[in-house]
Structures are given as C-alpha cells and as structure tokens.
Amino acid sequence: MNTSNFKTVSLSCLFLSLSACNSAVMKEDVKPKSAIDEEVEKALSQSDYRLYATSGRRIVYPGIVSEKFNKVMEQCGRKFMADTGDVIRSEQQKMDRKQKLAYMALFNKRMIVNCFNKID
C-alpha cells in the first residue's frame, strides 16, 4: 500500500471512530423523563401547584424547610400522599414510606419553584 492510500485509509478510520463516539455521547444526553418530571408537567398543565404533604398527626412537606410551611400552604396548597402517616406496623411499611418521602421531597423541590414563580 502506498503512502497516499495509507493516509486516506487512516483518516477515514479516524473520522469513523470520532463520529461513532460523537453519536454515542449524543444518545447519552437524551434522558427519558422521570416519573417526577412527568407528574410535575401534568400538574403544571392543570395549574396545580400543590405540594405533597405527609398524612400524619403533624403535617410535613418533605424537602421543604419548616420555616416555609405556612407560605407553602397559603401560596401552593397541599395534597396528601397515601400511606405516609406516622403509624408504621411493619418493616415493609417503613421501607415503603421512606421511598415515598424521597419521591415527595424531589417533587416538592421542583414544584415549589414553579409555585413561588407563578403569576396569578
């Protein structure tokens, strides 16, 4: 193989390698929407700015500092997540509640921004 052909083949291989890497990076950048993203979008489309609250004896907005609870209740409203009360009877209920609280915290942190920025 002469030098000219070798350079052409080498450059072609390099170009193909780089374009394959580039398409792999592009595919990784496009992430599917999470359940939280979808729920936030659905709520916003219905002008529903309510945040999740626990259904126990003391109402808590997971993910929100307690100093903002009154403002959240007045401006955003609340919706209760089922099975988030303070009575836990089994280890499974404890684990389920922990997962729900984590979900609620993420949802609330995303929704509070929209609630406080809404224009009535």
N, C-alpha and C. Protein backbone atom coordinates (compact mmCIF):
# COMPACT_ATOMS: atom_id res chain seq x y z
N MET A 1 0.86 -1.17 0.00
CA MET A 1 0.00 0.00 0.00
C MET A 1 0.90 1.23 0.00
N ASN A 2 0.60 2.15 -0.88
CA ASN A 2 1.44 3.36 -0.92
C ASN A 2 1.03 4.34 0.17
N THR A 3 1.84 5.35 0.38
CA THR A 3 1.64 6.28 1.48
C THR A 3 0.35 7.09 1.33
N SER A 4 0.00 7.42 0.14
CA SER A 4 -1.22 8.21 -0.10
C SER A 4 -2.45 7.40 0.30
N ASN A 5 -2.49 6.14 -0.11
CA ASN A 5 -3.63 5.28 0.25
C ASN A 5 -3.67 5.04 1.75
N PHE A 6 -2.49 4.85 2.34
CA PHE A 6 -2.41 4.61 3.77
C PHE A 6 -2.97 5.82 4.55
N LYS A 7 -2.62 7.03 4.14
CA LYS A 7 -3.12 8.24 4.79
C LYS A 7 -4.63 8.34 4.64
N THR A 8 -5.14 8.02 3.45
CA THR A 8 -6.58 8.10 3.20
C THR A 8 -7.32 7.11 4.08
N VAL A 9 -6.82 5.89 4.15
CA VAL A 9 -7.47 4.86 4.97
C VAL A 9 -7.39 5.25 6.45
N SER A 10 -6.25 5.73 6.87
CA SER A 10 -6.07 6.13 8.27
C SER A 10 -7.02 7.27 8.65
N LEU A 11 -7.10 8.26 7.79
CA LEU A 11 -8.00 9.38 8.06
C LEU A 11 -9.46 8.95 8.06
N SER A 12 -9.81 8.05 7.16
CA SER A 12 -11.19 7.53 7.11
C SER A 12 -11.53 6.79 8.39
N CYS A 13 -10.60 5.96 8.87
CA CYS A 13 -10.82 5.22 10.11
C CYS A 13 -10.96 6.18 11.30
N LEU A 14 -10.12 7.18 11.34
CA LEU A 14 -10.17 8.16 12.42
C LEU A 14 -11.51 8.90 12.40
N PHE A 15 -11.95 9.32 11.22
CA PHE A 15 -13.22 10.03 11.09
C PHE A 15 -14.38 9.16 11.56
N LEU A 16 -14.39 7.89 11.15
CA LEU A 16 -15.47 6.99 11.55
C LEU A 16 -15.46 6.77 13.06
N SER A 17 -14.28 6.64 13.63
CA SER A 17 -14.17 6.45 15.08
C SER A 17 -14.72 7.65 15.83
N LEU A 18 -14.35 8.82 15.40
CA LEU A 18 -14.82 10.03 16.08
C LEU A 18 -16.31 10.23 15.91
N SER A 19 -16.84 9.96 14.76
CA SER A 19 -18.28 10.14 14.57
C SER A 19 -19.07 9.10 15.37
N ALA A 20 -18.53 7.91 15.54
CA ALA A 20 -19.19 6.90 16.37
C ALA A 20 -19.20 7.34 17.82
N CYS A 21 -18.11 7.91 18.30
CA CYS A 21 -18.06 8.41 19.68
C CYS A 21 -19.03 9.56 19.87
N ASN A 22 -19.09 10.44 18.89
CA ASN A 22 -19.97 11.59 18.98
C ASN A 22 -21.43 11.15 19.07
N SER A 23 -21.85 10.18 18.27
CA SER A 23 -23.25 9.75 18.31
C SER A 23 -23.55 9.05 19.62
N ALA A 24 -22.57 8.36 20.20
CA ALA A 24 -22.78 7.71 21.49
C ALA A 24 -22.98 8.76 22.58
N VAL A 25 -22.22 9.83 22.53
CA VAL A 25 -22.36 10.90 23.52
C VAL A 25 -23.71 11.57 23.36
N MET A 26 -24.12 11.81 22.14
CA MET A 26 -25.40 12.47 21.90
C MET A 26 -26.55 11.62 22.44
N LYS A 27 -26.48 10.31 22.27
CA LYS A 27 -27.55 9.45 22.76
C LYS A 27 -27.63 9.46 24.28
N GLU A 28 -26.50 9.57 24.96
CA GLU A 28 -26.50 9.60 26.41
C GLU A 28 -27.09 10.90 26.94
N ASP A 29 -26.98 12.00 26.20
CA ASP A 29 -27.50 13.28 26.65
C ASP A 29 -29.03 13.30 26.70
N VAL A 30 -29.67 12.50 25.88
CA VAL A 30 -31.12 12.46 25.83
C VAL A 30 -31.60 11.42 26.83
N LYS A 31 -32.12 11.91 27.96
CA LYS A 31 -32.57 11.00 29.01
C LYS A 31 -34.09 10.96 29.01
N PRO A 32 -34.65 9.79 29.27
CA PRO A 32 -36.11 9.73 29.36
C PRO A 32 -36.59 10.50 30.59
N LYS A 33 -37.79 11.01 30.52
CA LYS A 33 -38.34 11.77 31.63
C LYS A 33 -38.62 10.83 32.80
N SER A 34 -38.34 11.32 33.99
CA SER A 34 -38.63 10.53 35.18
C SER A 34 -40.11 10.66 35.52
N ALA A 35 -40.56 9.81 36.41
CA ALA A 35 -41.96 9.87 36.86
C ALA A 35 -42.24 11.22 37.51
N ILE A 36 -41.25 11.75 38.21
CA ILE A 36 -41.43 13.06 38.86
C ILE A 36 -41.57 14.16 37.81
N ASP A 37 -40.71 14.13 36.79
CA ASP A 37 -40.81 15.13 35.72
C ASP A 37 -42.18 15.09 35.07
N GLU A 38 -42.66 13.89 34.79
CA GLU A 38 -43.97 13.75 34.15
C GLU A 38 -45.09 14.25 35.06
N GLU A 39 -45.00 13.93 36.35
CA GLU A 39 -46.05 14.38 37.27
C GLU A 39 -46.04 15.90 37.42
N VAL A 40 -44.85 16.50 37.49
CA VAL A 40 -44.75 17.96 37.59
C VAL A 40 -45.34 18.60 36.34
N GLU A 41 -44.98 18.10 35.17
CA GLU A 41 -45.52 18.66 33.92
C GLU A 41 -47.03 18.54 33.86
N LYS A 42 -47.56 17.40 34.26
CA LYS A 42 -49.02 17.20 34.25
C LYS A 42 -49.70 18.18 35.20
N ALA A 43 -49.14 18.33 36.40
CA ALA A 43 -49.72 19.26 37.38
C ALA A 43 -49.68 20.69 36.85
N LEU A 44 -48.56 21.10 36.26
CA LEU A 44 -48.45 22.45 35.73
C LEU A 44 -49.43 22.69 34.60
N SER A 45 -49.65 21.68 33.77
CA SER A 45 -50.60 21.83 32.66
C SER A 45 -52.02 22.05 33.18
N GLN A 46 -52.27 21.64 34.43
CA GLN A 46 -53.58 21.82 35.05
C GLN A 46 -53.57 22.95 36.08
N SER A 47 -52.50 23.74 36.07
CA SER A 47 -52.32 24.84 37.04
C SER A 47 -52.46 24.35 38.48
N ASP A 48 -51.95 23.17 38.74
CA ASP A 48 -51.99 22.56 40.07
C ASP A 48 -50.60 22.69 40.69
N TYR A 49 -50.45 23.62 41.63
CA TYR A 49 -49.15 23.91 42.22
C TYR A 49 -49.01 23.30 43.63
N ARG A 50 -49.93 22.43 43.99
CA ARG A 50 -49.90 21.85 45.33
C ARG A 50 -48.66 20.98 45.53
N LEU A 51 -48.16 21.01 46.75
CA LEU A 51 -47.01 20.20 47.13
C LEU A 51 -47.50 19.01 47.95
N TYR A 52 -46.70 17.95 47.94
CA TYR A 52 -47.04 16.77 48.72
C TYR A 52 -46.78 17.01 50.19
N ALA A 53 -47.69 16.51 51.03
CA ALA A 53 -47.55 16.58 52.47
C ALA A 53 -47.82 15.19 53.05
N THR A 54 -47.23 14.93 54.20
CA THR A 54 -47.49 13.66 54.87
C THR A 54 -48.87 13.71 55.51
N SER A 55 -49.43 12.54 55.75
CA SER A 55 -50.79 12.48 56.28
C SER A 55 -50.81 12.08 57.75
N GLY A 56 -49.75 12.38 58.47
CA GLY A 56 -49.67 12.03 59.88
C GLY A 56 -50.29 13.08 60.78
N ARG A 57 -50.05 12.92 62.07
CA ARG A 57 -50.60 13.88 63.05
C ARG A 57 -50.02 15.27 62.87
N ARG A 58 -48.78 15.33 62.41
CA ARG A 58 -48.12 16.62 62.14
C ARG A 58 -47.83 16.67 60.64
N ILE A 59 -48.36 17.66 59.97
CA ILE A 59 -48.17 17.78 58.53
C ILE A 59 -46.76 18.25 58.23
N VAL A 60 -46.10 17.53 57.31
CA VAL A 60 -44.74 17.85 56.89
C VAL A 60 -44.71 17.87 55.37
N TYR A 61 -44.00 18.84 54.81
CA TYR A 61 -43.75 18.90 53.38
C TYR A 61 -42.33 18.39 53.15
N PRO A 62 -42.15 17.13 52.78
CA PRO A 62 -40.79 16.61 52.58
C PRO A 62 -40.01 17.45 51.56
N GLY A 63 -38.75 17.74 51.90
CA GLY A 63 -37.89 18.50 51.01
C GLY A 63 -37.98 20.00 51.19
N ILE A 64 -38.90 20.46 52.05
CA ILE A 64 -39.10 21.90 52.27
C ILE A 64 -38.76 22.22 53.72
N VAL A 65 -38.00 23.28 53.92
CA VAL A 65 -37.65 23.66 55.29
C VAL A 65 -38.91 24.12 56.03
N SER A 66 -38.96 23.79 57.31
CA SER A 66 -40.18 24.04 58.09
C SER A 66 -40.56 25.52 58.17
N GLU A 67 -39.58 26.40 58.04
CA GLU A 67 -39.89 27.84 58.09
C GLU A 67 -40.78 28.27 56.92
N LYS A 68 -40.79 27.50 55.85
CA LYS A 68 -41.59 27.87 54.67
C LYS A 68 -42.96 27.18 54.64
N PHE A 69 -43.26 26.33 55.62
CA PHE A 69 -44.51 25.57 55.60
C PHE A 69 -45.75 26.45 55.46
N ASN A 70 -45.83 27.53 56.25
CA ASN A 70 -47.01 28.40 56.19
C ASN A 70 -47.14 29.06 54.82
N LYS A 71 -46.03 29.56 54.29
CA LYS A 71 -46.06 30.19 52.97
C LYS A 71 -46.46 29.17 51.90
N VAL A 72 -45.94 27.95 52.01
CA VAL A 72 -46.28 26.89 51.05
C VAL A 72 -47.77 26.60 51.12
N MET A 73 -48.31 26.48 52.34
CA MET A 73 -49.72 26.15 52.49
C MET A 73 -50.60 27.26 51.92
N GLU A 74 -50.22 28.51 52.14
CA GLU A 74 -51.01 29.63 51.65
C GLU A 74 -50.91 29.79 50.13
N GLN A 75 -49.70 29.71 49.61
CA GLN A 75 -49.49 30.04 48.20
C GLN A 75 -49.65 28.83 47.27
N CYS A 76 -49.26 27.66 47.73
CA CYS A 76 -49.23 26.50 46.84
C CYS A 76 -50.36 25.50 47.12
N GLY A 77 -50.65 25.31 48.37
CA GLY A 77 -51.62 24.29 48.74
C GLY A 77 -50.91 22.97 49.00
N ARG A 78 -51.70 21.97 49.35
CA ARG A 78 -51.10 20.67 49.65
C ARG A 78 -51.99 19.54 49.15
N LYS A 79 -51.34 18.44 48.91
CA LYS A 79 -52.04 17.19 48.61
C LYS A 79 -51.34 16.11 49.41
N PHE A 80 -52.13 15.21 49.97
CA PHE A 80 -51.57 14.19 50.83
C PHE A 80 -51.20 12.95 50.02
N MET A 81 -50.06 12.39 50.34
CA MET A 81 -49.63 11.13 49.74
C MET A 81 -50.18 10.01 50.62
N ALA A 82 -50.81 9.03 50.00
CA ALA A 82 -51.39 7.91 50.74
C ALA A 82 -50.30 7.14 51.48
N ASP A 83 -50.65 6.63 52.62
CA ASP A 83 -49.78 5.76 53.42
C ASP A 83 -48.49 6.45 53.87
N THR A 84 -48.59 7.73 54.21
CA THR A 84 -47.41 8.43 54.73
C THR A 84 -47.67 8.93 56.15
N GLY A 85 -48.61 8.31 56.81
CA GLY A 85 -48.89 8.68 58.19
C GLY A 85 -47.76 8.25 59.11
N ASP A 86 -47.92 8.55 60.39
CA ASP A 86 -46.85 8.24 61.33
C ASP A 86 -47.03 6.92 62.07
N VAL A 87 -48.03 6.12 61.69
CA VAL A 87 -48.21 4.80 62.28
C VAL A 87 -47.62 3.77 61.31
N ILE A 88 -46.58 3.10 61.77
CA ILE A 88 -45.90 2.10 60.94
C ILE A 88 -45.95 0.77 61.66
N ARG A 89 -46.46 -0.26 60.97
CA ARG A 89 -46.67 -1.55 61.62
C ARG A 89 -45.68 -2.63 61.19
N SER A 90 -44.94 -2.38 60.13
CA SER A 90 -44.02 -3.42 59.67
C SER A 90 -42.77 -2.80 59.06
N GLU A 91 -41.76 -3.62 58.89
CA GLU A 91 -40.52 -3.16 58.27
C GLU A 91 -40.78 -2.77 56.81
N GLN A 92 -41.68 -3.50 56.14
CA GLN A 92 -42.02 -3.19 54.74
C GLN A 92 -42.68 -1.82 54.64
N GLN A 93 -43.59 -1.51 55.55
CA GLN A 93 -44.22 -0.19 55.57
C GLN A 93 -43.19 0.91 55.79
N LYS A 94 -42.22 0.63 56.64
CA LYS A 94 -41.17 1.60 56.91
C LYS A 94 -40.36 1.88 55.65
N MET A 95 -40.00 0.83 54.90
CA MET A 95 -39.24 1.00 53.67
C MET A 95 -40.07 1.70 52.61
N ASP A 96 -41.35 1.34 52.48
CA ASP A 96 -42.24 1.98 51.51
C ASP A 96 -42.39 3.47 51.81
N ARG A 97 -42.56 3.79 53.08
CA ARG A 97 -42.72 5.19 53.49
C ARG A 97 -41.45 5.99 53.18
N LYS A 98 -40.31 5.38 53.41
CA LYS A 98 -39.04 6.05 53.13
C LYS A 98 -38.92 6.38 51.64
N GLN A 99 -39.33 5.44 50.77
CA GLN A 99 -39.30 5.69 49.32
C GLN A 99 -40.28 6.80 48.93
N LYS A 100 -41.46 6.76 49.52
CA LYS A 100 -42.45 7.79 49.22
C LYS A 100 -41.97 9.18 49.66
N LEU A 101 -41.35 9.25 50.82
CA LEU A 101 -40.84 10.53 51.31
C LEU A 101 -39.75 11.08 50.39
N ALA A 102 -38.90 10.19 49.88
CA ALA A 102 -37.85 10.63 48.95
C ALA A 102 -38.48 11.16 47.66
N TYR A 103 -39.50 10.46 47.15
CA TYR A 103 -40.21 10.91 45.95
C TYR A 103 -40.88 12.26 46.20
N MET A 104 -41.56 12.37 47.33
CA MET A 104 -42.25 13.61 47.68
C MET A 104 -41.27 14.78 47.78
N ALA A 105 -40.11 14.53 48.36
CA ALA A 105 -39.11 15.59 48.52
C ALA A 105 -38.64 16.09 47.16
N LEU A 106 -38.36 15.18 46.24
CA LEU A 106 -37.92 15.59 44.90
C LEU A 106 -39.02 16.36 44.18
N PHE A 107 -40.24 15.85 44.26
CA PHE A 107 -41.38 16.52 43.62
C PHE A 107 -41.54 17.92 44.19
N ASN A 108 -41.54 18.02 45.52
CA ASN A 108 -41.75 19.31 46.17
C ASN A 108 -40.67 20.33 45.82
N LYS A 109 -39.42 19.88 45.74
CA LYS A 109 -38.32 20.79 45.41
C LYS A 109 -38.47 21.33 44.00
N ARG A 110 -39.01 20.53 43.10
CA ARG A 110 -39.22 21.02 41.73
C ARG A 110 -40.46 21.89 41.64
N MET A 111 -41.50 21.50 42.34
CA MET A 111 -42.76 22.23 42.22
C MET A 111 -42.73 23.56 42.96
N ILE A 112 -42.02 23.67 44.06
CA ILE A 112 -42.03 24.91 44.83
C ILE A 112 -41.50 26.08 44.01
N VAL A 113 -40.56 25.82 43.15
CA VAL A 113 -40.02 26.87 42.27
C VAL A 113 -41.13 27.40 41.37
N ASN A 114 -41.89 26.48 40.79
CA ASN A 114 -42.99 26.88 39.92
C ASN A 114 -44.08 27.60 40.70
N CYS A 115 -44.36 27.12 41.88
CA CYS A 115 -45.40 27.74 42.71
C CYS A 115 -45.04 29.17 43.09
N PHE A 116 -43.82 29.37 43.57
CA PHE A 116 -43.42 30.70 44.00
C PHE A 116 -43.22 31.66 42.84
N ASN A 117 -43.02 31.14 41.64
CA ASN A 117 -42.83 32.00 40.47
C ASN A 117 -44.11 32.19 39.65
N LYS A 118 -45.20 31.57 40.05
CA LYS A 118 -46.44 31.69 39.26
C LYS A 118 -46.97 33.10 39.33
N ILE A 119 -47.63 33.48 38.27
CA ILE A 119 -48.26 34.79 38.21
C ILE A 119 -49.76 34.57 38.18
N ASP A 120 -50.44 35.07 39.20
CA ASP A 120 -51.88 34.88 39.28
C ASP A 120 -52.63 35.78 38.34
